[in-house]
Structures are given as C-alpha cells and as structure tokens.
C-alpha cells in the first residue's frame, strides 16, 4: 500500500511534485503509513498539520498551523501574495476578505521558496476536520506542484463529510488489504520475470473487475514482457493501461509505452503519449521524462540519456532500466565499449535486486557486444567487495540486519542491498544457506571459500 506514497515522495526528490489523498477508517493505518514513509526519507523537509474538530469554523486556522514554520520566507514572495497571506493570518488588517486566488499563489510561492534547497513534504492528518478555507487552498496548491520538488499528502478519516475540493486528486483507499496485497504480489512476480506465476496472478486479479481496475494487471504484464524482450506484447498491454487505466496509472505507464513502441518498431503507436510528453506538463520524475524523450530522439538521444542517468541517484530499477536502454542504443551504433559499461552496470543492478528477466535481457545485449558473460558468480566482477564480504561474515555469524547495520554504521536498507548481491555472487538464496556454506562445511572448505571471497583465511 505504500507504493503510491513512495512514488509521490520519490517524485518530489526528483523535482516532480505530486499529491496523494490517503482515505481509510480509524485504525486502517493512514497515520502510520505517512509517518513511516517520512521517517524513511530523512533528506526531505516536512511541514505538518492536523485538522482539529473544534477549529473547523476558523478560516485558515489549519493553514496557519501548517505554514507557520515557513513564515521567515514571507519576505521573499511577491508583495500582493504576501499581503493576502498577511490578511488571512491576521498579520495585517483590510476592509475586505483576502483574495483566495492570491492566497493560493502565495502558498505556492512560500512552498517553492522552502523547497529551493531541500525537497519538501506537506503532510496533513485528519483532513476531514480542516476548515473549508484551508481545504480549498490546499486543493488549489496540490494541482499546481507538478513542476516543484513538493509532495502534498492528505490523510482523511472515513466516513467523512464530502470534501468536494479534493475530488479528482489521486487517492489511496486503505483497508482493502487483500486487493492491495494481490496487486503488490503481481507486480513483484512481473519484475522477477516469473512468467507462469505472473500470468496466472494477472488472470486472477483481473477477473470480475472493471476495465479500470483490471488495467493494473495489464501494467504488471507490460513490465513482464519488457523484461522478457517481447516488445509487441508489451505494447499491447501498455496501450490497454493507457486507454482504460485511472488517470494516475495512465500517466505512469507512458515511459513503458514509449519503450515498447520504439523497441517494437512502431513508434507511431506511442503518438498520443509522446505528444503529452512534449507538453512538459506530465507529473513524472525528470529522469523518466528524459529517458522517454531519448527513446524518441533517434540519433540525437545521447545527451538525453546522460541527463536521465544524472537524475537517478540510487541503484534502483529506473536507473538500471535507463542504463539498459542507453546501452542498447550505444550497441546499435557500434560503440561496443561504451555499451558494455552501461549494460554491465544494468545487469548487476537487476541481478542484485532479483529482477531476473531484465537481467537476462541485459546479458543478451552484453553478449552481442562480444563480451563473454559467464555464470553468475564466476566472473571477476562478481567477486565480493570488502563491504559485501564483511556483511556476509556478520550475517553468517547470526547477526540480524539491524545488528549488522549498527556494527558497520550503515542503514538496514544498505545491508539488505549488499546481502542480495552476496546471495547472487556465491549462489545461495537464504541466510541459512549462507551460514551453512561459511560455517558448517569444515575448516578446509571455509579456508578455500575465504580465499575465493577475498577474506583472511
């Protein structure tokens, strides 16, 4: 259920703002989900407010609570906007009520100023108790942050009075755990390239659902077919998502649709999506926009590919996919050495994350450059790094990820990332197998393994 929220926060990191309304009954996990996501993103600045039932009749009360930490920036926004906010917050007097449009623009300017040096999250809990004026302004702002590094997240307790200002904003309804879990499992199987299981899960998920709901299954199958290199099939599923999916999903699939269309030799089928991309108004991360434009640019794509790579900061799926398509582009222009660099990096990232189909696609491309791709774990580049070896040793000794993180002064996510690479490189699939290989097969075998892994014997 946190995937939608993670995407909004990730977009803010990359300069593509977004909004998400979390809806659910008491105890459904709205506040916990919001708090956990923010705690896992300490690089983001957060301004937070919570609706108070007794303050619903006080216009702009919640907005004042939310923006108070940003008041030092008031002097840097345009004068008319500053005056409108001053009137709304009781900092100045006026014979008439403040102009709501100027207040909305003032809030946008204040948020942009605050996010200039650090991406910003605007988090509001119990939005069902916000005063009407604050709801209207936040809805106005939420529809205009797409080009700013700002994420707006509103949590609404159900059942709630209708909040018409929030209608049409992207929404995640909590409490439908079976459906959310099934969709999460389907996407996981698609990324892992487990074709038979993914198709069966997609059929089950799409059964007896509306076309819009079933589009989620087509989206997962788009990912599966792209990983397997079956671009025409991927294009068919992507077009179904673009046609039938929710507005949010229809935008999300555009990079996949463009990849499938260009790789299958049918770029015209991506026409409507490409035209939307050209407007520059899509709420997509800049890296995805640059990658998609690169795939449509033909021989003039290199700078766009490099721009896309520069936007992705972490070793995640989007970075790996960008390196993959860039490497494919380089190989088709007979730049084999440059292609190998990108394809090798992509293959290692895919393998480390368990994305077997995409890893296989990268291996095929690597072989086409003339590089010999051995079995996993056999190549020189597959030897454990010093950090991986230390993580493996501590895990084999029975330490939890949290304990390893504490001992090495790294995050638990970093431990898990290194551990996945260790599993792949030495050919095991669990902590128990790793411990058995390292600890339970005798001193001689352990000594040989230590030499192979670069540890002290």
Protein backbone atom coordinates (compact mmCIF):
# COMPACT_ATOMS: atom_id res chain seq x y z
CA UNK A 1 0.00 0.00 0.00
CA UNK A 2 2.98 2.31 0.49
CA UNK A 3 4.00 2.11 -3.19
CA UNK A 4 1.80 5.06 -4.22
CA UNK A 5 3.12 7.18 -1.38
CA UNK A 6 6.71 6.18 -2.14
CA UNK A 7 6.22 7.30 -5.75
CA UNK A 8 4.95 10.72 -4.66
CA UNK A 9 7.91 11.22 -2.31
CA UNK A 10 10.35 9.96 -4.93
CA UNK A 11 8.89 12.37 -7.45
CA UNK A 12 9.47 15.26 -5.05
CA UNK A 13 13.10 14.20 -4.68
CA UNK A 14 13.48 14.38 -8.46
CA UNK A 15 11.70 17.73 -8.81
CA UNK A 16 8.32 16.38 -9.98
CA UNK A 17 5.80 17.24 -7.28
CA UNK A 18 2.67 15.27 -6.63
CA UNK A 19 -0.27 14.72 -4.33
CA UNK A 20 -1.89 11.73 -2.65
CA UNK A 21 -5.02 11.57 -0.52
CA UNK A 22 -5.00 8.68 1.96
CA UNK A 23 -8.51 7.58 2.91
CA UNK A 24 -9.49 4.96 5.45
CA UNK A 25 -11.43 4.16 8.57
CA UNK A 26 -9.92 4.68 12.04
CA UNK A 27 -7.17 2.14 12.60
CA UNK A 28 -6.58 1.50 8.89
CA UNK A 29 -3.01 2.77 9.14
CA UNK A 30 -3.19 6.21 7.48
CA UNK A 31 -1.10 7.99 10.09
CA UNK A 32 1.33 5.09 10.49
CA UNK A 33 1.86 4.84 6.74
CA UNK A 34 2.50 8.56 6.44
CA UNK A 35 4.85 8.67 9.43
CA UNK A 36 6.82 5.60 8.32
CA UNK A 37 7.32 6.93 4.79
CA UNK A 38 8.58 10.27 6.10
CA UNK A 39 10.88 8.64 8.66
CA UNK A 40 12.47 6.61 5.85
CA UNK A 41 13.16 9.78 3.87
CA UNK A 42 15.16 12.00 6.26
CA UNK A 43 16.53 14.03 3.36
CA UNK A 44 13.08 15.60 2.86
CA UNK A 45 11.92 18.64 4.79
CA UNK A 46 8.46 18.23 6.31
CA UNK A 47 5.79 20.72 7.31
CA UNK A 48 2.94 19.07 9.16
CA UNK A 49 -0.50 19.94 10.43
CA UNK A 50 -3.50 18.07 11.75
CA UNK A 51 -7.15 19.06 11.48
CA UNK A 52 -8.82 19.95 14.77
CA UNK A 53 -12.57 19.48 15.00
CA UNK A 54 -13.06 22.45 17.31
CA UNK A 55 -11.28 24.80 14.85
CA UNK A 56 -13.32 23.96 11.74
CA UNK A 57 -15.17 27.28 11.91
CA UNK A 58 -11.97 29.36 11.97
CA UNK A 59 -10.99 30.21 8.40
CA UNK A 60 -7.35 29.43 7.53
CA UNK A 61 -6.67 28.06 11.05
CA UNK A 62 -5.10 24.82 9.78
CA UNK A 63 -3.22 26.66 7.02
CA UNK A 64 -1.66 28.91 9.67
CA UNK A 65 -0.61 25.84 11.68
CA UNK A 66 0.89 24.23 8.58
CA UNK A 67 2.84 27.22 7.25
CA UNK A 68 3.98 28.83 10.49
CA UNK A 69 7.49 27.25 10.26
CA UNK A 70 7.85 28.84 6.81
CA UNK A 71 6.96 32.40 7.85
CA UNK A 72 10.62 33.57 7.63
CA UNK A 73 10.25 33.19 3.86
CA UNK A 74 7.30 35.61 3.60
CA UNK A 75 9.61 38.48 2.78
CA UNK A 76 10.83 36.67 -0.35
CA UNK A 77 7.47 36.20 -2.08
CA UNK A 78 5.69 38.81 -4.29
CA UNK A 79 4.10 41.73 -2.41
CA UNK A 80 0.42 41.14 -3.32
CA UNK A 81 0.69 37.48 -2.32
CA UNK A 82 2.44 38.38 0.93
CA UNK A 83 -0.29 40.92 1.74
CA UNK A 84 -3.05 38.38 1.06
CA UNK A 85 -1.42 35.84 3.39
CA UNK A 86 -0.89 38.53 6.00
CA UNK A 87 -4.61 39.34 5.97
CA UNK A 88 -5.58 35.65 6.10
CA UNK A 89 -3.32 35.02 9.09
CA UNK A 90 -4.25 38.18 10.99
CA UNK A 91 -0.87 39.81 10.45
CA UNK A 92 -2.47 42.76 8.67
CA UNK A 93 -5.92 44.33 8.52
CA UNK A 94 -8.06 45.07 5.48
CA UNK A 95 -11.62 46.24 4.85
CA UNK A 96 -12.44 43.16 2.76
CA UNK A 97 -11.73 39.45 2.90
CA UNK A 98 -8.45 38.39 1.30
CA UNK A 99 -8.43 37.21 -2.32
CA UNK A 100 -8.44 33.37 -2.27
CA UNK A 101 -6.56 33.21 -5.58
CA UNK A 102 -3.74 35.40 -4.25
CA UNK A 103 -3.63 33.29 -1.08
CA UNK A 104 -3.23 30.14 -3.14
CA UNK A 105 -0.46 31.73 -5.21
CA UNK A 106 1.18 32.96 -2.01
CA UNK A 107 1.20 29.47 -0.52
CA UNK A 108 2.72 28.11 -3.75
CA UNK A 109 5.43 30.76 -3.66
CA UNK A 110 6.15 30.09 0.01
CA UNK A 111 6.45 26.33 -0.60
CA UNK A 112 8.69 26.88 -3.63
CA UNK A 113 10.95 29.11 -1.54
CA UNK A 114 11.14 26.50 1.23
CA UNK A 115 11.88 23.70 -1.26
CA UNK A 116 14.61 25.58 -3.11
CA UNK A 117 17.42 23.84 -1.22
CA UNK A 118 15.65 20.69 0.00
CA UNK A 119 12.58 18.79 -1.31
CA UNK A 120 9.51 19.44 0.80
CA UNK A 121 6.64 17.29 2.08
CA UNK A 122 3.36 18.95 3.06
CA UNK A 123 1.70 16.40 5.37
CA UNK A 124 -1.79 16.90 6.77
CA UNK A 125 -3.51 14.40 9.06
CA UNK A 126 -7.22 14.31 9.91
CA UNK A 127 -8.02 16.44 6.87
CA UNK A 128 -11.73 15.77 7.40
CA UNK A 129 -11.57 18.37 10.20
CA UNK A 130 -9.84 21.11 8.26
CA UNK A 131 -11.62 24.42 7.90
CA UNK A 132 -13.15 24.93 4.46
CA UNK A 133 -10.80 27.76 3.50
CA UNK A 134 -7.72 25.62 4.17
CA UNK A 135 -9.12 22.69 2.18
CA UNK A 136 -9.77 24.93 -0.82
CA UNK A 137 -6.27 26.41 -0.73
CA UNK A 138 -4.55 23.03 -0.30
CA UNK A 139 -6.52 21.58 -3.22
CA UNK A 140 -5.53 24.60 -5.34
CA UNK A 141 -1.88 24.08 -4.40
CA UNK A 142 -1.97 20.29 -4.88
CA UNK A 143 -2.99 20.71 -8.52
CA UNK A 144 -0.06 23.03 -9.22
CA UNK A 145 3.02 21.44 -7.66
CA UNK A 146 3.94 19.19 -10.60
CA UNK A 147 6.98 21.26 -11.54
CA UNK A 148 8.14 21.75 -7.95
CA UNK A 149 10.04 19.43 -5.54
CA UNK A 150 6.98 19.33 -3.28
CA UNK A 151 4.82 16.37 -2.22
CA UNK A 152 1.37 17.02 -0.72
CA UNK A 153 -0.11 14.17 1.33
CA UNK A 154 -3.53 14.46 2.98
CA UNK A 155 -4.96 11.78 5.30
CA UNK A 156 -8.77 11.67 5.58
CA UNK A 157 -10.65 9.56 8.10
CA UNK A 158 -13.67 7.76 6.69
CA UNK A 159 -16.59 8.12 6.86
CA UNK A 160 -16.15 11.86 6.42
CA UNK A 161 -18.20 14.81 5.21
CA UNK A 162 -17.78 15.25 1.47
CA UNK A 163 -14.80 17.44 0.63
CA UNK A 164 -15.56 18.47 -2.98
CA UNK A 165 -12.31 20.41 -3.31
CA UNK A 166 -10.40 17.13 -3.07
CA UNK A 167 -12.41 15.37 -5.79
CA UNK A 168 -10.23 14.17 -8.63
CA UNK A 169 -6.97 14.16 -6.68
CA UNK A 170 -5.01 10.86 -6.68
CA UNK A 171 -6.36 8.73 -3.85
CA UNK A 172 -5.28 5.61 -1.99
CA UNK A 173 -8.04 3.88 -0.03
CA UNK A 174 -6.72 1.87 2.88
CA UNK A 175 -8.46 -1.12 4.30
CA UNK A 176 -8.67 -3.18 1.09
CA UNK A 177 -5.70 -5.29 2.16
CA UNK A 178 -6.44 -8.39 0.05
CA UNK A 179 -6.68 -6.39 -3.20
CA UNK A 180 -3.61 -4.28 -2.39
CA UNK A 181 -1.59 -7.34 -1.40
CA UNK A 182 -2.62 -9.20 -4.57
CA UNK A 183 -1.59 -6.25 -6.74
CA UNK A 184 1.74 -5.95 -4.92
CA UNK A 185 2.44 -9.68 -5.41
CA UNK A 186 1.54 -9.45 -9.10
CA UNK A 187 3.98 -6.58 -9.69
CA UNK A 188 6.70 -8.43 -7.75
CA UNK A 189 6.28 -11.55 -9.91
CA UNK A 190 6.45 -9.44 -13.06
CA UNK A 191 9.71 -7.76 -12.03
CA UNK A 192 11.18 -11.13 -11.08
CA UNK A 193 10.31 -12.50 -14.52
CA UNK A 194 8.33 -15.45 -13.13
CA UNK A 195 6.22 -15.69 -16.23
CA UNK A 196 3.81 -18.55 -15.50
CA UNK A 197 3.05 -17.30 -11.99
CA UNK A 198 2.70 -13.70 -13.12
CA UNK A 199 0.23 -14.60 -15.86
CA UNK A 200 -1.83 -16.72 -13.52
CA UNK A 201 -1.86 -13.95 -10.90
CA UNK A 202 -2.81 -11.37 -13.55
CA UNK A 203 -5.74 -13.51 -14.69
CA UNK A 204 -6.93 -13.90 -11.10
CA UNK A 205 -6.51 -10.20 -10.33
CA UNK A 206 -8.35 -9.04 -13.46
CA UNK A 207 -11.27 -11.44 -13.06
CA UNK A 208 -14.63 -9.76 -12.32
CA UNK A 209 -13.12 -6.28 -12.13
CA UNK A 210 -13.89 -3.14 -14.07
CA UNK A 211 -11.67 -2.24 -17.02
CA UNK A 212 -10.01 0.49 -14.95
CA UNK A 213 -9.23 -1.93 -12.10
CA UNK A 214 -8.06 -4.66 -14.47
CA UNK A 215 -5.60 -2.18 -16.03
CA UNK A 216 -3.34 -2.80 -13.04
CA UNK A 217 -2.88 -6.38 -14.27
CA UNK A 218 -2.04 -5.10 -17.76
CA UNK A 219 0.53 -2.77 -16.23
CA UNK A 220 2.26 -5.68 -14.48
CA UNK A 221 2.23 -7.68 -17.73
CA UNK A 222 3.76 -4.69 -19.54
CA UNK A 223 6.72 -4.88 -17.13
CA UNK A 224 6.96 -8.65 -17.55
CA UNK A 225 7.00 -8.51 -21.36
CA UNK A 226 9.53 -5.65 -21.44
CA UNK A 227 11.85 -7.67 -19.22
CA UNK A 228 11.49 -10.68 -21.49
CA UNK A 229 12.18 -8.58 -24.56
CA UNK A 230 8.75 -9.22 -26.10
CA UNK A 231 8.06 -5.66 -27.11
CA UNK A 232 4.96 -6.12 -29.27
CA UNK A 233 3.20 -7.96 -26.45
CA UNK A 234 4.33 -5.26 -24.00
CA UNK A 235 2.94 -2.60 -26.31
CA UNK A 236 -0.47 -4.24 -26.37
CA UNK A 237 -0.68 -4.31 -22.58
CA UNK A 238 0.68 -0.76 -22.24
CA UNK A 239 -1.91 0.60 -24.68
CA UNK A 240 -4.66 -1.09 -22.65
CA UNK A 241 -3.39 0.60 -19.49
CA UNK A 242 -3.15 3.97 -21.25
CA UNK A 243 -6.69 3.58 -22.60
CA UNK A 244 -8.50 2.00 -19.64
CA UNK A 245 -6.46 2.78 -16.51
CA UNK A 246 -7.01 5.52 -13.98
CA UNK A 247 -5.52 8.94 -14.88
CA UNK A 248 -2.64 8.29 -12.47
CA UNK A 249 -1.86 4.85 -13.94
CA UNK A 250 -2.31 6.17 -17.47
CA UNK A 251 0.49 8.65 -16.86
CA UNK A 252 2.66 6.15 -15.01
CA UNK A 253 2.67 3.73 -17.96
CA UNK A 254 3.84 6.32 -20.52
CA UNK A 255 7.60 5.55 -20.21
CA UNK A 256 6.83 1.82 -20.60
CA UNK A 257 4.53 2.52 -23.55
CA UNK A 258 7.19 4.57 -25.33
CA UNK A 259 9.84 1.91 -24.70
CA UNK A 260 7.57 -0.85 -26.02
CA UNK A 261 6.54 1.15 -29.09
CA UNK A 262 10.05 2.21 -30.10
CA UNK A 263 11.60 -1.21 -29.42
CA UNK A 264 8.90 -2.98 -31.47
CA UNK A 265 9.43 -0.63 -34.41
CA UNK A 266 6.02 1.01 -34.02
CA UNK A 267 6.77 4.49 -32.61
CA UNK A 268 3.57 5.89 -34.12
CA UNK A 269 1.58 3.79 -31.62
CA UNK A 270 3.04 5.98 -28.87
CA UNK A 271 1.80 9.11 -30.63
CA UNK A 272 -0.73 10.39 -28.06
CA UNK A 273 1.61 9.62 -25.17
CA UNK A 274 4.54 11.23 -26.99
CA UNK A 275 2.51 14.37 -27.62
CA UNK A 276 1.61 14.58 -23.94
CA UNK A 277 5.28 14.12 -23.11
CA UNK A 278 6.18 17.00 -25.42
CA UNK A 279 3.93 19.41 -23.48
CA UNK A 280 6.23 19.19 -20.46
CA UNK A 281 3.19 19.04 -18.15
CA UNK A 282 3.25 15.37 -17.15
CA UNK A 283 3.63 14.62 -13.40
CA UNK A 284 6.56 12.28 -13.99
CA UNK A 285 10.03 12.37 -12.47
CA UNK A 286 12.50 14.29 -14.68
CA UNK A 287 14.63 11.17 -15.18
CA UNK A 288 11.68 9.27 -16.67
CA UNK A 289 10.82 12.19 -18.92
CA UNK A 290 14.40 12.49 -20.18
CA UNK A 291 14.63 8.71 -20.79
CA UNK A 292 11.37 8.68 -22.71
CA UNK A 293 12.42 11.64 -24.85
CA UNK A 294 15.73 9.92 -25.53
CA UNK A 295 13.95 6.85 -26.86
CA UNK A 296 12.04 9.03 -29.29
CA UNK A 297 15.05 11.09 -30.34
CA UNK A 298 16.89 8.61 -32.58
CA UNK A 299 20.49 9.60 -33.31
CA UNK A 300 20.25 12.73 -31.13
CA UNK A 301 19.47 10.82 -27.93
CA UNK A 302 22.81 10.64 -26.12
CA UNK A 303 22.60 13.85 -24.10
CA UNK A 304 19.07 12.95 -23.01
CA UNK A 305 20.20 9.51 -21.83
CA UNK A 306 23.01 11.08 -19.83
CA UNK A 307 20.60 13.63 -18.41
CA UNK A 308 18.24 10.84 -17.34
CA UNK A 309 21.04 8.92 -15.60
CA UNK A 310 22.04 12.08 -13.77
CA UNK A 311 18.55 12.44 -12.31
CA UNK A 312 18.51 8.96 -10.72
CA UNK A 313 20.52 9.00 -7.52
CA UNK A 314 20.03 5.45 -6.24
CA UNK A 315 20.79 1.98 -7.65
CA UNK A 316 17.12 1.34 -8.32
CA UNK A 317 15.06 -0.14 -11.13
CA UNK A 318 14.64 3.14 -13.01
CA UNK A 319 18.38 3.78 -13.10
CA UNK A 320 19.06 0.19 -14.19
CA UNK A 321 16.45 0.40 -16.96
CA UNK A 322 17.89 3.69 -18.16
CA UNK A 323 21.38 2.21 -18.36
CA UNK A 324 19.94 -0.80 -20.19
CA UNK A 325 18.19 1.17 -22.94
CA UNK A 326 21.16 3.55 -23.22
CA UNK A 327 23.48 0.56 -23.61
CA UNK A 328 21.19 -0.92 -26.26
CA UNK A 329 21.23 2.40 -28.11
CA UNK A 330 25.06 2.54 -27.95
CA UNK A 331 25.44 -1.03 -29.20
CA UNK A 332 23.26 -0.35 -32.23
CA UNK A 333 25.66 2.45 -33.10
CA UNK A 334 28.67 0.11 -32.92
CA UNK A 335 30.03 1.77 -29.77
CA UNK A 336 30.63 -1.55 -28.10
CA UNK A 337 32.99 -0.46 -25.35
CA UNK A 338 30.63 2.31 -24.18
CA UNK A 339 27.69 -0.07 -24.46
CA UNK A 340 29.39 -2.69 -22.27
CA UNK A 341 29.86 -0.18 -19.47
CA UNK A 342 26.16 0.67 -19.36
CA UNK A 343 24.90 -2.88 -19.92
CA UNK A 344 27.18 -4.40 -17.31
CA UNK A 345 26.06 -1.86 -14.70
CA UNK A 346 22.41 -2.54 -15.58
CA UNK A 347 22.85 -6.32 -15.41
CA UNK A 348 24.48 -6.12 -11.99
CA UNK A 349 21.73 -3.87 -10.60
CA UNK A 350 18.96 -6.09 -11.97
CA UNK A 351 20.61 -9.24 -10.61
CA UNK A 352 21.21 -7.69 -7.18
CA UNK A 353 17.50 -6.82 -6.92
CA UNK A 354 16.23 -10.18 -8.19
CA UNK A 355 14.86 -8.79 -11.49
CA UNK A 356 15.75 -11.90 -13.45
CA UNK A 357 14.02 -11.10 -16.75
CA UNK A 358 15.63 -7.68 -17.12
CA UNK A 359 18.98 -9.14 -16.02
CA UNK A 360 18.64 -11.73 -18.80
CA UNK A 361 17.83 -9.04 -21.35
CA UNK A 362 20.97 -7.13 -20.31
CA UNK A 363 23.06 -10.34 -20.59
CA UNK A 364 21.83 -10.94 -24.14
CA UNK A 365 22.87 -7.42 -25.09
CA UNK A 366 26.25 -7.85 -23.40
CA UNK A 367 26.95 -11.00 -25.40
CA UNK A 368 26.03 -9.11 -28.55
CA UNK A 369 28.84 -6.64 -27.78
CA UNK A 370 31.30 -9.54 -27.79
CA UNK A 371 31.67 -9.76 -24.02
CA UNK A 372 31.74 -13.22 -22.50
CA UNK A 373 29.10 -13.38 -19.78
CA UNK A 374 29.81 -16.33 -17.51
CA UNK A 375 27.59 -17.97 -14.98
CA UNK A 376 26.61 -15.81 -12.09
CA UNK A 377 29.32 -15.74 -9.50
CA UNK A 378 32.06 -16.84 -11.91
CA UNK A 379 33.24 -13.54 -13.38
CA UNK A 380 35.97 -11.42 -11.84
CA UNK A 381 33.49 -8.55 -11.47
CA UNK A 382 31.31 -10.85 -9.35
CA UNK A 383 33.85 -11.17 -6.53
CA UNK A 384 32.62 -9.73 -3.26
CA UNK A 385 33.62 -6.20 -2.42
CA UNK A 386 35.13 -5.58 1.02
CA UNK A 387 31.79 -4.24 2.28
CA UNK A 388 29.87 -7.25 0.90
CA UNK A 389 32.36 -9.67 2.44
CA UNK A 390 32.00 -8.02 5.85
CA UNK A 391 28.19 -8.08 5.62
CA UNK A 392 28.31 -11.77 4.63
CA UNK A 393 30.62 -12.65 7.54
CA UNK A 394 28.44 -10.86 10.11
CA UNK A 395 25.23 -12.40 8.76
CA UNK A 396 26.80 -15.87 8.72
CA UNK A 397 27.70 -15.32 12.38
CA UNK A 398 23.99 -14.94 13.16
CA UNK A 399 23.57 -11.16 13.29
CA UNK A 400 20.30 -9.58 12.18
CA UNK A 401 20.24 -6.86 9.55
CA UNK A 402 19.72 -4.30 12.30
CA UNK A 403 22.72 -5.59 14.23
CA UNK A 404 24.88 -5.60 11.09
CA UNK A 405 23.79 -2.04 10.33
CA UNK A 406 24.79 -0.97 13.83
CA UNK A 407 28.16 -2.69 13.67
CA UNK A 408 29.04 -1.22 10.26
CA UNK A 409 27.37 2.19 10.76
CA UNK A 410 25.19 1.82 7.67
CA UNK A 411 21.42 1.65 7.17
CA UNK A 412 19.39 -1.56 7.22
CA UNK A 413 18.40 -0.92 3.59
CA UNK A 414 22.09 -0.82 2.66
CA UNK A 415 22.67 -4.10 4.48
CA UNK A 416 19.81 -5.71 2.56
CA UNK A 417 21.14 -4.36 -0.75
CA UNK A 418 24.62 -5.83 -0.10
CA UNK A 419 23.13 -9.12 1.12
CA UNK A 420 21.16 -9.61 -2.12
CA UNK A 421 24.40 -9.18 -4.07
CA UNK A 422 26.20 -11.66 -1.78
CA UNK A 423 23.47 -14.26 -2.33
CA UNK A 424 23.75 -13.90 -6.10
CA UNK A 425 27.52 -13.96 -6.23
CA UNK A 426 28.07 -17.08 -4.13
CA UNK A 427 24.96 -18.92 -5.31
CA UNK A 428 22.74 -19.10 -2.21
CA UNK A 429 19.21 -17.92 -1.62
CA UNK A 430 18.85 -17.61 2.16
CA UNK A 431 20.71 -16.61 5.31
CA UNK A 432 20.63 -20.22 6.44
CA UNK A 433 22.37 -21.39 3.26
CA UNK A 434 24.94 -18.63 3.59
CA UNK A 435 25.72 -19.63 7.17
CA UNK A 436 25.93 -23.30 6.18
CA UNK A 437 28.38 -22.54 3.37
CA UNK A 438 30.58 -20.37 5.56
CA UNK A 439 30.34 -22.14 8.91
CA UNK A 440 29.22 -25.73 8.56
CA UNK A 441 31.36 -27.34 5.87
CA UNK A 442 34.64 -27.68 7.69
CA UNK A 443 37.78 -25.67 8.18
CA UNK A 444 39.36 -26.62 4.85
CA UNK A 445 36.31 -25.65 2.84
CA UNK A 446 35.97 -22.47 4.83
CA UNK A 447 39.60 -21.67 4.14
CA UNK A 448 39.12 -22.22 0.40
CA UNK A 449 35.97 -20.12 0.46
CA UNK A 450 37.79 -17.36 2.33
CA UNK A 451 40.43 -17.25 -0.36
CA UNK A 452 37.77 -17.19 -3.11
CA UNK A 453 35.85 -14.38 -1.41
CA UNK A 454 38.91 -12.38 -0.52
CA UNK A 455 38.63 -12.84 3.27
CA UNK A 456 41.52 -13.58 5.64
CA UNK A 457 41.89 -17.37 5.77
